[in-house]
Structures are given as structure tokens and as C-alpha cells.
Amino acid sequence: MAKLTTIGIDLAKNTFALYGLGPKGQCGWKRKVRRKQLLEQLVRLEPCKVALEACGSSHYWARQIQALGHQVELLPPQHVKGYLRGQKNDYNDAQAIAEASEHGRIRPVPLKGAEQ
């Protein structure tokens, strides 16, 4: 497996889609994992940037992923939509999140602490 620089995660109720980008922006891998398996999957990877769309549960997941040593970025959903290609599905959403994060021109949403 090639070294991953950015992982986009599309959060859902039961299964999450993960899309990893390599150093040149190419697809490193894509996975679909259950809610319980997400942190197990990410702990095996070298620290990299993990991008999520900002929503109610994304702040919780961002804190958990950050504790594993990854750099977490929450992106506003309205800005990610412009990077979506093809039909809307979990993998395409995760790819759009990863590419929006790689582009670097979107201002991330500040991460909220547990008490907020």
C-alpha cells in the first residue's frame, strides 16, 4: 500500500466510507467500514491528514481520530459539494472530502471540545 497523505471519511449511521489519497493525489485505497471498525482501521495507518464533513457527530469522531495521532480537518459541507464527481454515493462523497482537503483553499470548521 502506498503512503497516504489524506483520508476523506463520509460519516453515516452504520457504515463509513474511507478514501485515501497518496502523495501525488492518486487513490491510495478505499474502504467501507462499520462504525465499530473505524478507529481500528485508522490506528493501523501512519499519521496523516483526515478530513470529515462538519456535522453533529463529526466533532466527536474528530476528537477520537486526533487522539490516534492524525491531523483532523472538518470541512463545511456546502464547500465540499463542489468537488463531488459522478453520482452521489458514499465513496464519491469520501473522495470529494479528501480532494477538498488536499486543495487547501477551504477554511476548516474549528473543532469543538466535549464540553461544548
N, C-alpha and C. Protein backbone atom coordinates (compact mmCIF):
# COMPACT_ATOMS: atom_id res chain seq x y z
N MET A 1 0.84 -1.18 0.00
CA MET A 1 0.00 0.00 0.00
C MET A 1 0.89 1.24 0.00
N ALA A 2 0.56 2.18 -0.85
CA ALA A 2 1.31 3.43 -0.93
C ALA A 2 1.07 4.27 0.32
N LYS A 3 2.00 5.16 0.61
CA LYS A 3 1.84 6.06 1.76
C LYS A 3 0.67 7.00 1.48
N LEU A 4 -0.19 7.15 2.47
CA LEU A 4 -1.34 8.03 2.34
C LEU A 4 -1.04 9.39 2.95
N THR A 5 -1.47 10.44 2.27
CA THR A 5 -1.29 11.79 2.81
C THR A 5 -2.59 12.33 3.36
N THR A 6 -3.72 11.96 2.75
CA THR A 6 -5.03 12.47 3.17
C THR A 6 -6.06 11.36 3.08
N ILE A 7 -6.93 11.30 4.07
CA ILE A 7 -8.05 10.36 4.07
C ILE A 7 -9.33 11.16 4.21
N GLY A 8 -10.26 10.94 3.31
CA GLY A 8 -11.59 11.54 3.41
C GLY A 8 -12.53 10.50 3.97
N ILE A 9 -13.35 10.88 4.94
CA ILE A 9 -14.30 9.95 5.54
C ILE A 9 -15.71 10.51 5.40
N ASP A 10 -16.58 9.70 4.80
CA ASP A 10 -18.00 10.05 4.71
C ASP A 10 -18.70 9.36 5.87
N LEU A 11 -19.14 10.13 6.85
CA LEU A 11 -19.81 9.58 8.03
C LEU A 11 -21.26 9.26 7.69
N ALA A 12 -21.75 8.14 8.20
CA ALA A 12 -23.14 7.74 8.02
C ALA A 12 -23.60 7.08 9.31
N LYS A 13 -24.79 6.49 9.30
CA LYS A 13 -25.30 5.88 10.53
C LYS A 13 -24.53 4.64 10.92
N ASN A 14 -24.40 3.68 10.01
CA ASN A 14 -23.80 2.40 10.37
C ASN A 14 -22.46 2.11 9.69
N THR A 15 -22.32 2.50 8.43
CA THR A 15 -21.06 2.24 7.72
C THR A 15 -20.48 3.55 7.23
N PHE A 16 -19.15 3.63 7.29
CA PHE A 16 -18.42 4.82 6.86
C PHE A 16 -17.59 4.46 5.64
N ALA A 17 -17.53 5.36 4.68
CA ALA A 17 -16.67 5.17 3.51
C ALA A 17 -15.39 5.96 3.72
N LEU A 18 -14.24 5.31 3.48
CA LEU A 18 -12.93 5.95 3.60
C LEU A 18 -12.28 5.96 2.23
N TYR A 19 -11.66 7.09 1.89
CA TYR A 19 -10.99 7.23 0.60
C TYR A 19 -9.64 7.87 0.87
N GLY A 20 -8.56 7.15 0.57
CA GLY A 20 -7.21 7.63 0.86
C GLY A 20 -6.51 8.13 -0.39
N LEU A 21 -5.85 9.28 -0.27
CA LEU A 21 -5.07 9.85 -1.37
C LEU A 21 -3.58 9.73 -1.06
N GLY A 22 -2.82 9.39 -2.10
CA GLY A 22 -1.37 9.31 -1.97
C GLY A 22 -0.72 10.67 -2.16
N PRO A 23 0.62 10.72 -2.15
CA PRO A 23 1.35 11.99 -2.24
C PRO A 23 1.08 12.78 -3.53
N LYS A 24 0.75 12.10 -4.61
CA LYS A 24 0.50 12.80 -5.87
C LYS A 24 -0.98 12.98 -6.15
N GLY A 25 -1.83 12.76 -5.15
CA GLY A 25 -3.27 12.95 -5.31
C GLY A 25 -3.99 11.75 -5.90
N GLN A 26 -3.28 10.65 -6.13
CA GLN A 26 -3.92 9.46 -6.69
C GLN A 26 -4.60 8.67 -5.58
N CYS A 27 -5.53 7.82 -5.96
CA CYS A 27 -6.25 7.00 -4.99
C CYS A 27 -5.30 5.96 -4.40
N GLY A 28 -5.07 6.02 -3.10
CA GLY A 28 -4.25 5.03 -2.41
C GLY A 28 -5.07 3.79 -2.09
N TRP A 29 -6.27 3.99 -1.58
CA TRP A 29 -7.20 2.91 -1.31
C TRP A 29 -8.56 3.45 -0.93
N LYS A 30 -9.55 2.58 -0.96
CA LYS A 30 -10.87 2.95 -0.46
C LYS A 30 -11.44 1.76 0.29
N ARG A 31 -12.13 2.05 1.36
CA ARG A 31 -12.68 1.02 2.23
C ARG A 31 -14.06 1.43 2.71
N LYS A 32 -14.84 0.46 3.07
CA LYS A 32 -16.11 0.70 3.75
C LYS A 32 -16.01 -0.05 5.07
N VAL A 33 -16.20 0.65 6.18
CA VAL A 33 -16.06 0.03 7.50
C VAL A 33 -17.30 0.33 8.34
N ARG A 34 -17.57 -0.56 9.26
CA ARG A 34 -18.66 -0.34 10.22
C ARG A 34 -18.18 0.66 11.28
N ARG A 35 -19.15 1.23 11.94
CA ARG A 35 -18.87 2.24 12.98
C ARG A 35 -17.83 1.75 13.99
N LYS A 36 -17.96 0.50 14.45
CA LYS A 36 -17.04 -0.05 15.46
C LYS A 36 -15.63 -0.23 14.92
N GLN A 37 -15.47 -0.38 13.59
CA GLN A 37 -14.18 -0.68 13.00
C GLN A 37 -13.37 0.56 12.60
N LEU A 38 -13.98 1.73 12.64
CA LEU A 38 -13.31 2.93 12.12
C LEU A 38 -11.98 3.20 12.84
N LEU A 39 -12.00 3.25 14.15
CA LEU A 39 -10.78 3.58 14.88
C LEU A 39 -9.75 2.46 14.75
N GLU A 40 -10.20 1.20 14.69
CA GLU A 40 -9.29 0.07 14.48
C GLU A 40 -8.56 0.21 13.14
N GLN A 41 -9.28 0.66 12.12
CA GLN A 41 -8.69 0.83 10.79
C GLN A 41 -7.67 1.97 10.78
N LEU A 42 -8.01 3.08 11.46
CA LEU A 42 -7.14 4.25 11.44
C LEU A 42 -5.90 4.10 12.33
N VAL A 43 -5.98 3.29 13.37
CA VAL A 43 -4.83 3.13 14.25
C VAL A 43 -3.70 2.38 13.55
N ARG A 44 -4.02 1.60 12.53
CA ARG A 44 -3.01 0.85 11.77
C ARG A 44 -2.23 1.72 10.78
N LEU A 45 -2.74 2.90 10.48
CA LEU A 45 -2.13 3.76 9.47
C LEU A 45 -1.13 4.73 10.09
N GLU A 46 -0.14 5.12 9.28
CA GLU A 46 0.77 6.17 9.72
C GLU A 46 -0.01 7.48 9.86
N PRO A 47 0.41 8.35 10.77
CA PRO A 47 -0.31 9.62 10.93
C PRO A 47 -0.38 10.40 9.61
N CYS A 48 -1.56 10.89 9.31
CA CYS A 48 -1.79 11.68 8.10
C CYS A 48 -2.95 12.64 8.37
N LYS A 49 -3.35 13.37 7.35
CA LYS A 49 -4.47 14.28 7.48
C LYS A 49 -5.76 13.51 7.23
N VAL A 50 -6.73 13.65 8.13
CA VAL A 50 -8.03 13.00 8.00
C VAL A 50 -9.07 14.10 7.91
N ALA A 51 -9.86 14.09 6.84
CA ALA A 51 -10.86 15.13 6.61
C ALA A 51 -12.26 14.55 6.74
N LEU A 52 -13.13 15.32 7.38
CA LEU A 52 -14.53 14.95 7.57
C LEU A 52 -15.40 16.14 7.22
N GLU A 53 -16.64 15.89 6.80
CA GLU A 53 -17.60 16.98 6.65
C GLU A 53 -18.09 17.35 8.04
N ALA A 54 -18.19 18.63 8.30
CA ALA A 54 -18.66 19.09 9.61
C ALA A 54 -20.15 18.78 9.76
N CYS A 55 -20.49 18.09 10.84
CA CYS A 55 -21.88 17.79 11.17
C CYS A 55 -21.93 17.53 12.67
N GLY A 56 -23.08 17.13 13.18
CA GLY A 56 -23.23 16.92 14.62
C GLY A 56 -22.26 15.91 15.20
N SER A 57 -22.09 14.76 14.55
CA SER A 57 -21.23 13.71 15.11
C SER A 57 -19.76 13.86 14.71
N SER A 58 -19.46 14.72 13.76
CA SER A 58 -18.09 14.81 13.26
C SER A 58 -17.12 15.33 14.32
N HIS A 59 -17.59 16.17 15.23
CA HIS A 59 -16.70 16.69 16.28
C HIS A 59 -16.27 15.57 17.22
N TYR A 60 -17.20 14.66 17.55
CA TYR A 60 -16.86 13.50 18.38
C TYR A 60 -15.80 12.65 17.68
N TRP A 61 -16.06 12.31 16.40
CA TRP A 61 -15.13 11.46 15.66
C TRP A 61 -13.79 12.16 15.47
N ALA A 62 -13.80 13.45 15.27
CA ALA A 62 -12.55 14.20 15.09
C ALA A 62 -11.68 14.11 16.35
N ARG A 63 -12.30 14.22 17.52
CA ARG A 63 -11.53 14.11 18.77
C ARG A 63 -10.94 12.71 18.93
N GLN A 64 -11.72 11.67 18.59
CA GLN A 64 -11.24 10.29 18.69
C GLN A 64 -10.08 10.04 17.74
N ILE A 65 -10.20 10.54 16.50
CA ILE A 65 -9.17 10.32 15.47
C ILE A 65 -7.91 11.11 15.82
N GLN A 66 -8.08 12.32 16.34
CA GLN A 66 -6.94 13.15 16.74
C GLN A 66 -6.14 12.46 17.84
N ALA A 67 -6.83 11.77 18.73
CA ALA A 67 -6.15 11.05 19.83
C ALA A 67 -5.26 9.93 19.30
N LEU A 68 -5.51 9.46 18.07
CA LEU A 68 -4.68 8.43 17.45
C LEU A 68 -3.42 9.01 16.81
N GLY A 69 -3.30 10.34 16.77
CA GLY A 69 -2.11 10.98 16.22
C GLY A 69 -2.30 11.56 14.83
N HIS A 70 -3.50 11.48 14.29
CA HIS A 70 -3.77 12.04 12.96
C HIS A 70 -4.12 13.53 13.09
N GLN A 71 -3.87 14.27 12.01
CA GLN A 71 -4.28 15.67 11.94
C GLN A 71 -5.69 15.68 11.35
N VAL A 72 -6.65 16.25 12.06
CA VAL A 72 -8.05 16.20 11.63
C VAL A 72 -8.50 17.57 11.13
N GLU A 73 -9.28 17.54 10.07
CA GLU A 73 -9.80 18.76 9.47
C GLU A 73 -11.30 18.57 9.21
N LEU A 74 -12.11 19.50 9.72
CA LEU A 74 -13.55 19.47 9.48
C LEU A 74 -13.87 20.51 8.42
N LEU A 75 -14.53 20.07 7.35
CA LEU A 75 -14.82 20.96 6.23
C LEU A 75 -16.32 21.25 6.14
N PRO A 76 -16.70 22.49 5.82
CA PRO A 76 -18.12 22.82 5.66
C PRO A 76 -18.71 22.06 4.46
N PRO A 77 -19.84 21.37 4.65
CA PRO A 77 -20.42 20.54 3.58
C PRO A 77 -20.74 21.32 2.30
N GLN A 78 -21.14 22.57 2.42
CA GLN A 78 -21.50 23.33 1.22
C GLN A 78 -20.30 23.58 0.32
N HIS A 79 -19.09 23.59 0.87
CA HIS A 79 -17.88 23.78 0.07
C HIS A 79 -17.37 22.47 -0.52
N VAL A 80 -17.64 21.38 0.14
CA VAL A 80 -17.20 20.06 -0.36
C VAL A 80 -18.01 19.66 -1.58
N LYS A 81 -19.25 20.08 -1.64
CA LYS A 81 -20.16 19.68 -2.73
C LYS A 81 -19.57 20.00 -4.11
N GLY A 82 -18.80 21.07 -4.22
CA GLY A 82 -18.20 21.45 -5.49
C GLY A 82 -17.16 20.46 -6.00
N TYR A 83 -16.66 19.59 -5.14
CA TYR A 83 -15.64 18.61 -5.53
C TYR A 83 -16.24 17.25 -5.88
N LEU A 84 -17.55 17.11 -5.72
CA LEU A 84 -18.22 15.84 -5.99
C LEU A 84 -18.28 15.55 -7.48
N ARG A 85 -17.85 14.34 -7.84
CA ARG A 85 -17.91 13.90 -9.25
C ARG A 85 -18.81 12.69 -9.36
N GLY A 86 -19.59 12.62 -10.41
CA GLY A 86 -20.45 11.46 -10.63
C GLY A 86 -21.65 11.46 -9.71
N GLN A 87 -22.28 10.30 -9.61
CA GLN A 87 -23.45 10.15 -8.77
C GLN A 87 -23.08 10.29 -7.30
N LYS A 88 -24.04 10.74 -6.52
CA LYS A 88 -23.80 10.86 -5.08
C LYS A 88 -23.88 9.47 -4.44
N ASN A 89 -22.76 9.01 -3.91
CA ASN A 89 -22.72 7.78 -3.12
C ASN A 89 -21.62 7.94 -2.08
N ASP A 90 -21.50 6.96 -1.21
CA ASP A 90 -20.56 7.09 -0.08
C ASP A 90 -19.12 7.27 -0.54
N TYR A 91 -18.67 6.45 -1.51
CA TYR A 91 -17.28 6.55 -1.97
C TYR A 91 -17.01 7.89 -2.66
N ASN A 92 -17.94 8.33 -3.51
CA ASN A 92 -17.74 9.61 -4.19
C ASN A 92 -17.74 10.77 -3.20
N ASP A 93 -18.57 10.67 -2.16
CA ASP A 93 -18.57 11.71 -1.12
C ASP A 93 -17.24 11.73 -0.38
N ALA A 94 -16.73 10.55 -0.02
CA ALA A 94 -15.44 10.47 0.69
C ALA A 94 -14.31 11.00 -0.20
N GLN A 95 -14.36 10.70 -1.50
CA GLN A 95 -13.35 11.20 -2.43
C GLN A 95 -13.42 12.72 -2.51
N ALA A 96 -14.63 13.28 -2.57
CA ALA A 96 -14.79 14.74 -2.64
C ALA A 96 -14.25 15.40 -1.37
N ILE A 97 -14.47 14.79 -0.22
CA ILE A 97 -13.97 15.33 1.04
C ILE A 97 -12.44 15.34 1.04
N ALA A 98 -11.84 14.23 0.61
CA ALA A 98 -10.37 14.14 0.57
C ALA A 98 -9.79 15.16 -0.39
N GLU A 99 -10.38 15.29 -1.58
CA GLU A 99 -9.85 16.23 -2.58
C GLU A 99 -10.05 17.68 -2.14
N ALA A 100 -11.16 17.98 -1.49
CA ALA A 100 -11.38 19.34 -0.98
C ALA A 100 -10.34 19.69 0.08
N SER A 101 -9.99 18.72 0.90
CA SER A 101 -8.97 18.93 1.93
C SER A 101 -7.59 19.13 1.30
N GLU A 102 -7.29 18.35 0.28
CA GLU A 102 -5.99 18.47 -0.41
C GLU A 102 -5.86 19.82 -1.09
N HIS A 103 -6.96 20.33 -1.61
CA HIS A 103 -6.93 21.61 -2.33
C HIS A 103 -6.45 22.73 -1.43
N GLY A 104 -6.89 22.69 -0.16
CA GLY A 104 -6.37 23.62 0.84
C GLY A 104 -6.92 25.03 0.83
N ARG A 105 -7.90 25.32 -0.01
CA ARG A 105 -8.42 26.69 -0.06
C ARG A 105 -9.71 26.84 0.73
N ILE A 106 -10.16 25.76 1.36
CA ILE A 106 -11.38 25.81 2.16
C ILE A 106 -11.00 26.03 3.62
N ARG A 107 -11.64 27.00 4.22
CA ARG A 107 -11.36 27.28 5.64
C ARG A 107 -12.05 26.22 6.49
N PRO A 108 -11.28 25.47 7.30
CA PRO A 108 -11.91 24.40 8.11
C PRO A 108 -12.74 24.97 9.26
N VAL A 109 -13.67 24.15 9.72
CA VAL A 109 -14.52 24.48 10.86
C VAL A 109 -13.71 24.18 12.13
N PRO A 110 -13.71 25.08 13.12
CA PRO A 110 -12.97 24.80 14.37
C PRO A 110 -13.56 23.59 15.10
N LEU A 111 -12.70 22.77 15.65
CA LEU A 111 -13.11 21.57 16.38
C LEU A 111 -13.64 21.97 17.76
N LYS A 112 -14.81 21.43 18.11
CA LYS A 112 -15.41 21.71 19.41
C LYS A 112 -14.95 20.67 20.41
N GLY A 113 -14.73 21.11 21.64
CA GLY A 113 -14.37 20.19 22.71
C GLY A 113 -15.60 19.44 23.20
N ALA A 114 -15.42 18.44 24.02
CA ALA A 114 -16.53 17.62 24.52
C ALA A 114 -17.53 18.45 25.34
N GLU A 115 -17.03 19.42 26.09
CA GLU A 115 -17.92 20.23 26.92
C GLU A 115 -18.76 21.21 26.11
N GLN A 116 -18.35 21.54 24.91
CA GLN A 116 -19.13 22.45 24.07
C GLN A 116 -20.29 21.72 23.48
